Amino acid sequence: MTSDGTVGKAMEVLDQVAAYSRPVRFSELLAASPFPKPTLYRFLQTLTNQRMLAYDPDRQTYSPGVRLVRLAHAAWEQSTLAPIARPHIDALSAAVGETVHLAQLDHAQVLYIDKRNANNPVQMFSQAGKVGPAYCTGVGKVMLAFSDPAIIEAVIEQQSFHRFTAATLTTPATLRAELADIRANGYGFDREEHEPGIICVAMPILSDAGRVLGALSVTSTTSRTNLAGLESYVPILQDTAGKIARDAQSWSFPDYDAKEQTGR
């Protein structure tokens, strides 16, 4: 077993614990783990000793540890658009009164890195720190649409195309057609493709060279508005995306090529 292999497997265990969004018992982890019982236990012990996980002996549960939280906060501050974008999404949220999302592309998925709730918030999947599918979210599609062709194809190959709703795009062909429309328009929509009743208008955040830095969206519900109503926010979304991109000019973002973006 190589050290890279060991680290990768330990990261899988961390991901598994974090995915529960609550303290989790060993038996639950084992039931869903690809590792045999002794291997999983060894990883959990090591991660706990390193304070990447915390173990509650009374409840016999594991949860993310303080060291992991500290590292995650440092990554959020240093490696995402969130600190740069914060004043701009605050202003956007105040202006539109709807939910605002800030996201970046993380390999073949969308990583939500910040969120402002609507004046009358509704329950939805997206939260800062969560990952979501790229093929059926507004922010995911606009980031894909303006990515390099090699990245687009590599990401499409890794999509599950699971049908979440009746509106979900479920084939590479329909997604490619959607991405072409987004490139032509400069923005895109989520038409209840990920969650019933949830719609959004999304805008890419692009550097002067046209590189995708992230994406913004204004999200609402079909009971409150419609796609035409959301489309009226395109000018303020475009203005906000431009301000974030300008502020990001002095910040050194990693240059991801197709291999790095897709883990290949």
Protein backbone atom coordinates (compact mmCIF):
# COMPACT_ATOMS: atom_id res chain seq x y z
CA MET A 1 0.00 0.00 0.00
CA THR A 2 1.46 3.34 -1.05
CA SER A 3 1.34 6.40 1.17
CA ASP A 4 -0.85 8.14 -1.44
CA GLY A 5 -3.19 5.19 -1.35
CA THR A 6 -3.36 5.31 2.44
CA VAL A 7 -4.04 9.04 2.46
CA GLY A 8 -6.72 8.64 -0.18
CA LYS A 9 -8.48 5.94 1.80
CA ALA A 10 -8.32 8.01 4.98
CA MET A 11 -9.91 10.88 3.06
CA GLU A 12 -12.71 8.54 1.98
CA VAL A 13 -13.41 7.80 5.63
CA LEU A 14 -13.43 11.52 6.46
CA ASP A 15 -15.83 12.16 3.59
CA GLN A 16 -18.07 9.35 4.79
CA VAL A 17 -18.27 10.69 8.35
CA ALA A 18 -18.89 14.26 7.13
CA ALA A 19 -21.62 13.14 4.72
CA TYR A 20 -23.90 12.09 7.58
CA SER A 21 -24.14 15.70 8.84
CA ARG A 22 -24.52 14.26 12.36
CA PRO A 23 -22.51 12.11 14.77
CA VAL A 24 -22.35 8.57 13.37
CA ARG A 25 -21.76 5.15 14.92
CA PHE A 26 -19.12 2.68 13.78
CA SER A 27 -21.78 0.17 12.75
CA GLU A 28 -23.34 2.71 10.39
CA LEU A 29 -19.99 3.52 8.82
CA LEU A 30 -19.11 -0.15 8.44
CA ALA A 31 -22.43 -0.94 6.73
CA ALA A 32 -21.64 1.56 3.96
CA SER A 33 -17.84 1.28 3.91
CA PRO A 34 -15.78 -0.42 1.18
CA PHE A 35 -13.19 -1.32 3.84
CA PRO A 36 -13.19 -4.39 6.07
CA LYS A 37 -13.89 -3.90 9.76
CA PRO A 38 -10.24 -3.89 10.99
CA THR A 39 -9.15 -1.44 8.26
CA LEU A 40 -12.02 0.96 8.91
CA TYR A 41 -11.39 0.84 12.65
CA ARG A 42 -7.67 1.55 12.13
CA PHE A 43 -8.43 4.59 9.96
CA LEU A 44 -10.95 5.90 12.47
CA GLN A 45 -8.46 5.50 15.32
CA THR A 46 -5.71 7.31 13.40
CA LEU A 47 -8.00 10.14 12.34
CA THR A 48 -9.24 10.51 15.91
CA ASN A 49 -5.69 10.54 17.28
CA GLN A 50 -4.86 13.29 14.79
CA ARG A 51 -7.98 15.26 15.87
CA MET A 52 -9.39 15.10 12.36
CA LEU A 53 -12.31 13.22 13.90
CA ALA A 54 -13.80 13.44 17.38
CA TYR A 55 -15.05 10.37 19.24
CA ASP A 56 -17.78 10.57 21.87
CA PRO A 57 -17.29 7.56 24.19
CA ASP A 58 -20.68 8.00 25.84
CA ARG A 59 -22.63 7.92 22.59
CA GLN A 60 -19.98 5.90 20.74
CA THR A 61 -20.14 8.22 17.75
CA TYR A 62 -17.69 9.91 15.41
CA SER A 63 -17.93 13.47 14.07
CA PRO A 64 -15.57 15.98 12.36
CA GLY A 65 -12.80 17.04 14.74
CA VAL A 66 -11.56 20.49 15.68
CA ARG A 67 -8.41 20.14 13.58
CA LEU A 68 -10.48 19.37 10.51
CA VAL A 69 -12.73 22.34 11.24
CA ARG A 70 -9.69 24.61 11.55
CA LEU A 71 -8.24 23.35 8.26
CA ALA A 72 -11.60 23.73 6.54
CA HIS A 73 -11.89 27.32 7.74
CA ALA A 74 -8.38 28.10 6.48
CA ALA A 75 -9.21 26.57 3.09
CA TRP A 76 -12.43 28.59 2.92
CA GLU A 77 -10.54 31.80 3.67
CA GLN A 78 -7.57 31.16 1.38
CA SER A 79 -8.74 28.98 -1.49
CA THR A 80 -12.26 30.10 -2.35
CA LEU A 81 -13.98 33.19 -3.67
CA ALA A 82 -16.03 33.49 -0.48
CA PRO A 83 -14.05 36.17 1.41
CA ILE A 84 -13.66 38.28 -1.73
CA ALA A 85 -17.29 37.90 -2.73
CA ARG A 86 -18.83 38.42 0.72
CA PRO A 87 -19.65 42.16 0.50
CA HIS A 88 -20.95 41.76 -3.03
CA ILE A 89 -23.30 38.87 -2.29
CA ASP A 90 -24.48 40.72 0.82
CA ALA A 91 -25.42 43.66 -1.39
CA LEU A 92 -27.02 41.39 -4.01
CA SER A 93 -29.06 39.58 -1.36
CA ALA A 94 -30.29 42.86 0.10
CA ALA A 95 -31.27 44.13 -3.35
CA VAL A 96 -33.22 41.09 -4.57
CA GLY A 97 -34.59 39.66 -1.30
CA GLU A 98 -34.16 36.11 -2.61
CA THR A 99 -31.67 33.35 -1.81
CA VAL A 100 -28.20 33.97 -3.27
CA HIS A 101 -25.66 31.21 -3.85
CA LEU A 102 -21.94 31.41 -4.53
CA ALA A 103 -20.35 28.26 -5.95
CA GLN A 104 -17.21 26.87 -7.53
CA LEU A 105 -16.58 23.75 -9.61
CA ASP A 106 -14.94 21.01 -7.55
CA HIS A 107 -13.80 18.29 -9.93
CA ALA A 108 -17.08 17.06 -11.47
CA GLN A 109 -19.33 18.55 -8.79
CA VAL A 110 -20.56 21.92 -7.58
CA LEU A 111 -19.26 23.13 -4.23
CA TYR A 112 -21.49 25.72 -2.55
CA ILE A 113 -19.09 28.07 -0.77
CA ASP A 114 -21.50 30.75 0.48
CA LYS A 115 -25.20 31.44 0.74
CA ARG A 116 -27.54 34.23 1.77
CA ASN A 117 -31.11 33.30 2.60
CA ALA A 118 -34.18 35.02 1.23
CA ASN A 119 -36.24 37.41 3.34
CA ASN A 120 -38.67 34.51 3.76
CA PRO A 121 -36.35 31.50 3.52
CA VAL A 122 -37.46 28.08 2.31
CA GLN A 123 -35.88 24.70 2.92
CA MET A 124 -33.63 23.56 0.07
CA PHE A 125 -30.69 21.23 -0.52
CA SER A 126 -27.95 23.81 -0.98
CA GLN A 127 -25.88 24.94 2.00
CA ALA A 128 -22.37 26.36 2.21
CA GLY A 129 -19.97 23.42 2.26
CA LYS A 130 -22.30 21.02 0.46
CA VAL A 131 -21.60 19.55 -2.96
CA GLY A 132 -24.20 19.05 -5.65
CA PRO A 133 -24.45 17.74 -9.20
CA ALA A 134 -23.15 19.95 -11.98
CA TYR A 135 -25.59 18.81 -14.68
CA CYS A 136 -28.85 19.86 -13.01
CA THR A 137 -28.01 23.01 -11.03
CA GLY A 138 -27.95 26.51 -12.43
CA VAL A 139 -24.51 27.34 -11.02
CA GLY A 140 -23.12 24.02 -12.23
CA LYS A 141 -24.37 24.46 -15.77
CA VAL A 142 -23.10 28.03 -16.20
CA MET A 143 -19.65 27.07 -14.92
CA LEU A 144 -19.56 24.10 -17.28
CA ALA A 145 -20.80 26.16 -20.21
CA PHE A 146 -17.86 28.55 -20.01
CA SER A 147 -15.19 25.95 -19.19
CA ASP A 148 -12.61 24.64 -21.64
CA PRO A 149 -14.01 21.94 -23.97
CA ALA A 150 -11.74 19.28 -22.44
CA ILE A 151 -13.08 20.05 -18.97
CA ILE A 152 -16.68 20.01 -20.23
CA GLU A 153 -16.30 16.57 -21.77
CA ALA A 154 -14.43 15.13 -18.78
CA VAL A 155 -17.08 16.44 -16.37
CA ILE A 156 -19.97 15.19 -18.53
CA GLU A 157 -18.44 11.71 -18.53
CA GLN A 158 -18.55 11.68 -14.72
CA GLN A 159 -22.17 12.80 -14.30
CA SER A 160 -24.68 10.25 -13.04
CA PHE A 161 -27.60 11.82 -14.96
CA HIS A 162 -29.91 10.64 -12.20
CA ARG A 163 -33.45 11.92 -12.70
CA PHE A 164 -34.23 14.06 -9.62
CA THR A 165 -37.40 15.57 -11.11
CA ALA A 166 -39.40 15.43 -14.31
CA ALA A 167 -37.33 18.40 -15.59
CA THR A 168 -33.86 16.90 -14.97
CA LEU A 169 -31.58 16.67 -18.01
CA THR A 170 -30.71 12.99 -18.20
CA THR A 171 -28.44 12.60 -21.25
CA PRO A 172 -25.13 14.09 -22.38
CA ALA A 173 -26.81 15.32 -25.58
CA THR A 174 -29.49 17.35 -23.79
CA LEU A 175 -26.88 18.80 -21.43
CA ARG A 176 -24.58 19.80 -24.31
CA ALA A 177 -27.51 21.55 -26.01
CA GLU A 178 -28.30 23.38 -22.77
CA LEU A 179 -24.66 24.46 -22.37
CA ALA A 180 -24.66 25.85 -25.93
CA ASP A 181 -27.74 27.96 -25.11
CA ILE A 182 -26.10 29.22 -21.91
CA ARG A 183 -22.95 30.27 -23.80
CA ALA A 184 -25.11 32.13 -26.31
CA ASN A 185 -27.15 33.92 -23.62
CA GLY A 186 -24.43 34.46 -21.02
CA TYR A 187 -26.54 33.03 -18.17
CA GLY A 188 -28.64 29.98 -17.35
CA PHE A 189 -31.53 28.60 -15.31
CA ASP A 190 -32.42 25.76 -13.01
CA ARG A 191 -35.95 24.83 -14.11
CA GLU A 192 -36.82 22.63 -11.12
CA GLU A 193 -34.14 20.23 -12.36
CA HIS A 194 -32.69 19.33 -8.95
CA GLU A 195 -35.56 19.97 -6.54
CA PRO A 196 -39.28 20.31 -7.24
CA GLY A 197 -40.47 23.88 -6.86
CA ILE A 198 -36.94 25.36 -6.73
CA ILE A 199 -35.85 27.57 -9.63
CA CYS A 200 -32.89 29.89 -10.18
CA VAL A 201 -31.08 32.15 -12.60
CA ALA A 202 -27.30 31.76 -12.60
CA MET A 203 -24.33 33.76 -13.88
CA PRO A 204 -20.69 32.67 -14.31
CA ILE A 205 -17.89 34.65 -12.66
CA LEU A 206 -15.16 34.97 -15.28
CA SER A 207 -11.65 36.39 -15.19
CA ASP A 208 -10.50 38.89 -17.81
CA ALA A 209 -9.02 35.94 -19.70
CA GLY A 210 -12.39 34.16 -19.63
CA ARG A 211 -11.41 31.57 -17.03
CA VAL A 212 -14.24 30.33 -14.81
CA LEU A 213 -13.70 31.48 -11.21
CA GLY A 214 -17.12 30.48 -9.93
CA ALA A 215 -20.81 31.26 -10.30
CA LEU A 216 -23.63 33.21 -8.67
CA SER A 217 -27.32 32.46 -8.59
CA VAL A 218 -30.55 33.99 -7.39
CA THR A 219 -32.83 31.17 -6.27
CA SER A 220 -36.53 31.18 -5.46
CA THR A 221 -39.61 28.98 -5.59
CA THR A 222 -42.34 28.48 -8.17
CA SER A 223 -44.87 29.57 -5.55
CA ARG A 224 -43.15 32.96 -5.25
CA THR A 225 -42.03 33.78 -8.80
CA ASN A 226 -41.28 32.30 -12.21
CA LEU A 227 -38.35 32.14 -14.63
CA ALA A 228 -39.31 35.44 -16.24
CA GLY A 229 -39.26 37.08 -12.82
CA LEU A 230 -35.84 35.65 -12.08
CA GLU A 231 -34.57 36.73 -15.50
CA SER A 232 -35.16 40.34 -14.46
CA TYR A 233 -32.21 39.92 -12.07
CA VAL A 234 -29.75 39.22 -14.90
CA PRO A 235 -28.37 42.81 -15.02
CA ILE A 236 -27.65 42.95 -11.26
CA LEU A 237 -26.24 39.40 -11.34
CA GLN A 238 -23.94 40.37 -14.21
CA ASP A 239 -22.84 43.51 -12.39
CA THR A 240 -22.16 41.56 -9.18
CA ALA A 241 -20.22 38.85 -11.00
CA GLY A 242 -18.10 41.55 -12.65
CA LYS A 243 -17.33 43.20 -9.32
CA ILE A 244 -16.27 39.88 -7.78
CA ALA A 245 -14.08 39.10 -10.78
CA ARG A 246 -12.41 42.52 -10.58
CA ASP A 247 -11.71 42.10 -6.87
CA ALA A 248 -10.29 38.66 -7.57
CA GLN A 249 -7.71 40.01 -10.01
CA SER A 250 -5.18 40.61 -7.24
CA TRP A 251 -5.84 37.21 -5.67
CA SER A 252 -3.97 34.16 -6.95
CA PHE A 253 -6.46 31.42 -7.77
CA PRO A 254 -5.11 28.00 -8.71
CA ASP A 255 -5.01 27.38 -12.45
CA TYR A 256 -6.91 24.14 -12.95
CA ASP A 257 -6.47 22.21 -16.16
CA ALA A 258 -8.88 19.47 -17.25
CA LYS A 259 -6.92 16.78 -15.39
CA GLU A 260 -6.95 18.71 -12.13
CA GLN A 261 -10.61 19.71 -12.37
CA THR A 262 -11.77 16.15 -13.00
CA GLY A 263 -9.28 14.24 -10.88
CA ARG A 264 -7.80 12.47 -13.88
